[in-house]
Protein backbone atom coordinates (compact mmCIF):
# COMPACT_ATOMS: atom_id res chain seq x y z
CA MET A 1 -0.10 -0.07 0.10
CA LEU A 2 1.42 3.24 -1.12
CA THR A 3 2.22 5.92 1.61
CA GLU A 4 3.96 8.77 -0.10
CA GLY A 5 2.82 11.46 -2.61
CA PHE A 6 -0.47 13.24 -2.98
CA ILE A 7 -3.83 13.16 -4.84
CA LYS A 8 -6.20 15.95 -5.49
CA VAL A 9 -10.21 16.08 -4.92
CA PRO A 10 -12.32 18.55 -6.74
CA ARG A 11 -14.66 20.38 -4.29
CA SER A 12 -17.29 19.75 -6.99
CA PHE A 13 -17.36 16.13 -5.75
CA THR A 14 -19.54 17.22 -2.90
CA GLN A 15 -22.23 17.73 -5.49
CA ASP A 16 -22.06 14.18 -6.65
CA PRO A 17 -24.83 11.99 -5.46
CA LEU A 18 -21.86 9.42 -4.90
CA TYR A 19 -20.61 11.69 -1.99
CA LYS A 20 -23.28 10.53 0.14
CA ASN A 21 -22.59 6.85 -0.34
CA GLN A 22 -20.04 6.12 2.49
CA ASN A 23 -19.02 2.72 1.44
CA ALA A 24 -18.74 3.74 -2.38
CA LYS A 25 -17.00 6.94 -1.59
CA VAL A 26 -14.31 5.51 0.79
CA LEU A 27 -13.54 2.71 -1.79
CA LEU A 28 -13.31 5.11 -4.64
CA PHE A 29 -10.77 7.27 -2.64
CA HIS A 30 -8.95 3.84 -1.48
CA LEU A 31 -8.65 2.75 -5.11
CA VAL A 32 -7.22 6.29 -6.22
CA LEU A 33 -4.72 6.50 -3.50
CA ASN A 34 -3.38 2.98 -4.27
CA ALA A 35 -3.72 3.07 -7.91
CA ASN A 36 -0.51 3.17 -10.22
CA TYR A 37 0.19 6.82 -11.06
CA LYS A 38 2.07 6.17 -14.33
CA ASP A 39 2.30 3.32 -16.72
CA GLY A 40 4.13 0.32 -15.70
CA LYS A 41 5.05 -3.29 -17.12
CA GLU A 42 1.68 -4.71 -15.89
CA LEU A 43 -0.34 -1.97 -14.80
CA LYS A 44 -1.28 1.16 -16.71
CA ARG A 45 -1.77 4.72 -15.10
CA GLY A 46 -4.88 4.64 -12.96
CA GLN A 47 -5.02 0.94 -12.64
CA ILE A 48 -4.73 -1.47 -9.54
CA HIS A 49 -4.87 -5.02 -9.12
CA THR A 50 -6.89 -6.42 -6.02
CA SER A 51 -9.60 -8.62 -4.89
CA PHE A 52 -12.87 -8.55 -2.81
CA ARG A 53 -10.96 -10.23 0.35
CA ARG A 54 -8.18 -7.70 0.13
CA LEU A 55 -10.30 -4.71 -0.14
CA ALA A 56 -12.57 -5.93 2.62
CA ASP A 57 -9.48 -6.41 4.96
CA GLU A 58 -7.94 -2.99 3.90
CA LEU A 59 -11.21 -0.95 4.69
CA GLY A 60 -12.58 -2.90 7.58
CA LEU A 61 -15.84 -3.77 5.39
CA SER A 62 -17.62 -6.86 4.80
CA LEU A 63 -17.50 -8.97 1.27
CA GLN A 64 -20.95 -7.86 0.70
CA ASN A 65 -20.38 -4.31 1.53
CA VAL A 66 -17.17 -4.34 -0.94
CA ARG A 67 -19.37 -5.86 -3.59
CA THR A 68 -22.05 -3.49 -3.36
CA ALA A 69 -19.74 -0.70 -3.14
CA LEU A 70 -17.73 -1.71 -6.52
CA ALA A 71 -21.31 -2.30 -8.24
CA THR A 72 -22.11 1.49 -7.18
CA LEU A 73 -18.74 2.79 -8.88
CA LEU A 74 -19.36 0.66 -12.03
CA LEU A 75 -22.93 1.93 -12.31
CA THR A 76 -21.88 5.37 -11.81
CA GLN A 77 -19.02 4.97 -14.28
CA LYS A 78 -16.23 5.80 -11.79
CA ILE A 79 -14.26 2.44 -12.71
CA THR A 80 -14.28 -0.16 -14.87
CA ARG A 81 -13.63 -3.69 -13.82
CA SER A 82 -11.97 -6.78 -15.06
CA LEU A 83 -11.03 -10.35 -14.17
CA THR A 84 -7.51 -11.35 -14.73
CA HIS A 85 -5.82 -14.94 -14.00
CA ASN A 86 -5.54 -14.15 -10.30
CA SER A 87 -7.17 -10.93 -9.27
CA LEU A 88 -9.49 -8.05 -10.03
CA LEU A 89 -8.06 -5.47 -12.57
CA ILE A 90 -9.90 -1.88 -11.96
CA THR A 91 -9.25 1.04 -13.93
CA ILE A 92 -10.23 4.20 -12.54
CA CYS A 93 -12.03 6.38 -15.03
CA ASP A 94 -11.19 10.23 -15.52
CA TYR A 95 -8.09 9.23 -13.17
CA ASP A 96 -6.27 12.63 -14.06
CA ALA A 97 -8.92 14.35 -12.17
CA TYR A 98 -7.47 13.18 -9.07
CA GLN A 99 -3.82 12.81 -9.82
CA GLY A 100 -3.03 15.45 -12.58
CA ALA A 101 0.10 15.32 -14.59
CA VAL A 102 3.03 13.93 -12.85
CA ALA A 103 6.20 16.17 -13.48
CA ASP A 104 9.40 14.64 -14.61
CA GLY A 105 11.62 13.74 -11.67
CA GLN A 106 8.72 14.04 -9.04
CA HIS A 107 9.22 10.34 -8.11
CA SER A 108 12.61 8.93 -7.94
CA GLU A 109 13.60 5.67 -9.49
CA GLN A 110 14.09 4.21 -6.18
CA HIS A 111 10.57 4.98 -5.22
CA ASP A 112 9.35 3.45 -8.63
CA GLY A 113 11.01 0.23 -7.81
CA GLN A 114 9.60 0.36 -4.25
CA HIS A 115 6.10 0.81 -5.94
CA THR A 116 6.08 -2.04 -8.24
CA PHE A 117 7.81 -4.39 -5.64
CA SER A 118 4.95 -3.53 -2.95
CA HIS A 119 2.46 -4.66 -5.48
CA GLU A 120 4.08 -7.83 -6.32
CA VAL A 121 4.60 -8.60 -2.58
CA ALA A 122 0.96 -7.65 -1.72
CA GLU A 123 -0.41 -9.80 -4.63
CA ARG A 124 1.62 -13.07 -3.51
CA LYS A 125 0.42 -12.39 0.07
CA TYR A 126 -3.31 -12.02 -0.81
CA ALA A 127 -3.29 -14.84 -3.56
CA LYS A 128 -2.73 -17.41 -0.57
CA LYS A 129 -5.52 -16.04 1.54
CA GLU A 130 -8.12 -15.92 -1.23
CA ASN A 131 -11.13 -17.72 -0.40
CA THR A 132 -11.47 -20.92 -2.42
CA LYS A 133 -15.01 -20.31 -3.40
CA GLU A 134 -14.09 -16.93 -4.68
CA LEU A 135 -11.33 -18.26 -6.73
CA PHE A 136 -13.81 -20.82 -8.20
CA GLU A 137 -16.31 -18.08 -9.05
CA GLU A 138 -13.48 -16.20 -10.92
CA ALA A 139 -12.18 -19.28 -12.57
CA GLU A 140 -15.63 -19.97 -13.87
CA ALA A 141 -16.00 -16.36 -15.24
CA ARG A 142 -12.94 -16.85 -17.67
CA PRO A 143 -13.73 -18.30 -20.95
CA CYS A 144 -10.03 -19.42 -21.36
CA ALA A 145 -7.40 -19.96 -18.78
CA LEU A 146 -4.57 -19.53 -21.26
CA SER A 147 -5.65 -16.19 -22.95
CA PRO A 148 -8.27 -14.78 -20.43
CA PRO A 149 -9.81 -11.79 -22.42
CA GLN A 150 -10.97 -8.95 -20.14
CA LYS A 151 -14.58 -9.18 -19.79
CA GLU A 152 -16.84 -6.46 -18.07
CA GLU A 153 -19.28 -7.74 -15.62
CA ALA A 154 -23.02 -6.91 -15.97
CA VAL A 155 -24.31 -4.80 -13.08
CA VAL A 156 -27.83 -5.65 -11.71
CA VAL A 157 -29.71 -2.66 -10.64
CA PHE A 158 -32.37 -2.96 -7.98
CA THR A 159 -35.72 -1.54 -9.12
CA PRO A 160 -38.04 -1.04 -6.30
CA PRO A 161 -41.49 -2.65 -6.54
CA THR A 162 -44.80 -1.07 -6.77
CA LEU A 163 -47.51 -1.37 -3.78
CA GLU A 164 -49.62 -3.49 -6.31
CA GLU A 165 -46.65 -5.66 -6.98
CA VAL A 166 -46.08 -6.23 -3.27
CA ALA A 167 -49.86 -7.11 -2.94
CA ALA A 168 -49.81 -9.34 -5.87
CA TYR A 169 -47.05 -11.24 -4.49
CA VAL A 170 -48.57 -11.40 -0.91
CA LYS A 171 -51.90 -12.67 -2.52
CA ALA A 172 -50.21 -15.10 -4.77
CA LYS A 173 -48.35 -16.72 -1.79
CA GLN A 174 -51.42 -16.52 0.38
CA TYR A 175 -49.14 -14.72 3.11
CA HIS A 176 -50.48 -12.77 6.13
CA VAL A 177 -48.14 -9.95 5.58
CA ASP A 178 -49.76 -6.44 5.19
CA PRO A 179 -48.49 -5.29 1.85
CA SER A 180 -49.02 -1.39 2.59
CA ARG A 181 -47.06 -1.86 5.67
CA PHE A 182 -44.34 -3.75 4.19
CA PHE A 183 -44.22 -1.23 1.23
CA SER A 184 -44.06 1.88 3.64
CA TYR A 185 -41.60 0.52 5.80
CA TYR A 186 -39.17 -0.09 3.22
CA SER A 187 -39.99 3.04 1.27
CA ALA A 188 -39.09 5.22 4.41
CA MET A 189 -35.93 3.11 4.66
CA GLY A 190 -34.78 3.84 0.95
CA TRP A 191 -35.04 0.08 0.40
CA ARG A 192 -32.30 -0.51 2.65
CA THR A 193 -32.35 -2.94 5.87
CA LYS A 194 -31.70 -1.70 9.53
CA ALA A 195 -28.02 -2.19 8.97
CA GLY A 196 -28.01 0.08 6.05
CA THR A 197 -27.36 -2.72 3.18
CA PRO A 198 -29.32 -2.41 -0.08
CA VAL A 199 -32.19 -4.49 -0.59
CA ASN A 200 -31.57 -6.49 -3.56
CA ASP A 201 -34.42 -9.23 -3.35
CA TRP A 202 -37.59 -7.73 -1.98
CA GLN A 203 -39.52 -11.10 -2.59
CA ARG A 204 -37.16 -12.66 -0.18
CA LYS A 205 -37.92 -9.88 2.42
CA VAL A 206 -41.85 -10.58 2.00
CA ASP A 207 -40.91 -14.10 2.82
CA GLU A 208 -38.66 -13.08 5.87
CA TRP A 209 -41.74 -11.07 7.07
CA GLU A 210 -44.21 -14.05 6.82
CA SER A 211 -41.90 -16.23 8.59
CA LYS A 212 -41.59 -13.85 11.55
CA GLU A 213 -45.63 -13.13 11.65
CA THR A 214 -46.04 -17.13 11.84
CA HIS A 215 -43.56 -17.56 14.39
CA ARG A 216 -45.36 -14.59 16.46
CA LYS A 217 -48.43 -16.20 16.13
CA GLN A 218 -47.38 -19.67 17.06
CA SER A 219 -45.56 -18.51 20.21
CA THR A 220 -48.56 -16.46 21.52
CA SER A 221 -50.39 -18.83 23.99
CA PRO A 222 -54.16 -19.67 23.65
CA VAL A 223 -55.21 -17.77 26.52
CA GLN A 224 -53.45 -14.55 25.39
CA GLN A 225 -55.08 -15.29 21.78
CA VAL A 226 -58.47 -15.32 23.67
CA GLN A 227 -57.72 -12.24 26.19
CA THR A 228 -56.88 -10.11 22.97
CA GLY A 229 -60.28 -10.47 21.84
CA PHE A 230 -61.68 -8.89 24.84
CA ASN A 231 -62.62 -5.31 24.52
CA THR A 232 -63.89 -4.72 27.83
CA LYS A 233 -63.35 -6.05 31.29
CA GLN A 234 -66.90 -7.33 31.61
CA ALA A 235 -66.35 -9.52 28.51
CA ALA A 236 -63.13 -10.99 30.29
CA ASN A 237 -65.37 -11.66 33.36
CA GLU A 238 -68.15 -13.22 31.40
CA TYR A 239 -65.53 -15.68 29.67
CA ALA A 240 -63.87 -16.62 33.07
CA ILE A 241 -67.32 -17.83 34.82
CA ALA A 242 -68.28 -19.50 31.62
CA SER A 243 -65.08 -21.40 31.92
CA LEU A 244 -65.64 -22.37 35.31
CA LEU A 245 -69.20 -23.39 34.90
CA ALA A 246 -68.26 -25.66 31.79
């Protein structure tokens, strides 16, 4: 990881919608800070080799948060992403906006060597720590192991459902979930969970609500179920007397 030099951030970035997305914003700055500042043998200016696991470790985020943040940067055209034989190749769009032109002699040859060497050591280190499942996923995404072409991944954009779609799903599943309550809750949350992660599958969330509703009803005792039907103290007394005389 680089520790020398500077980057510049235009003040106009505060007007970018991405500025309010904390995970995506932190990830973008992290990539800019660690990307190659000049063309090299393996990496071009504005590029960086990394992986999901490595980014999660460096930023203290979960793998899911890293994947979501990367998808956001792809969607907003801040970066492009390709799969190579052992890692992610990320290219920062408009890299000159953050780094600008590098003057001759600004970085010494010794620093250039340390920069390249640090990337090589980090790659060997994290290649051993990569999750086996993740390696299989990346291997399956490569059409040819000998000459893998760079392939842009499609980004799945979540589209919030309408109230009618939620109601239709609840009716088709014969659930007891209140569609209006479900729709109002997640609309107010910006279609995010309490933890702040985006809701990518609203049908699964409806299923979870139904499961909780069923569990709540099953955990309620018969006496509690009967008592909740009483609107007055007199009705409760009459039920108690009738139970004694039965």
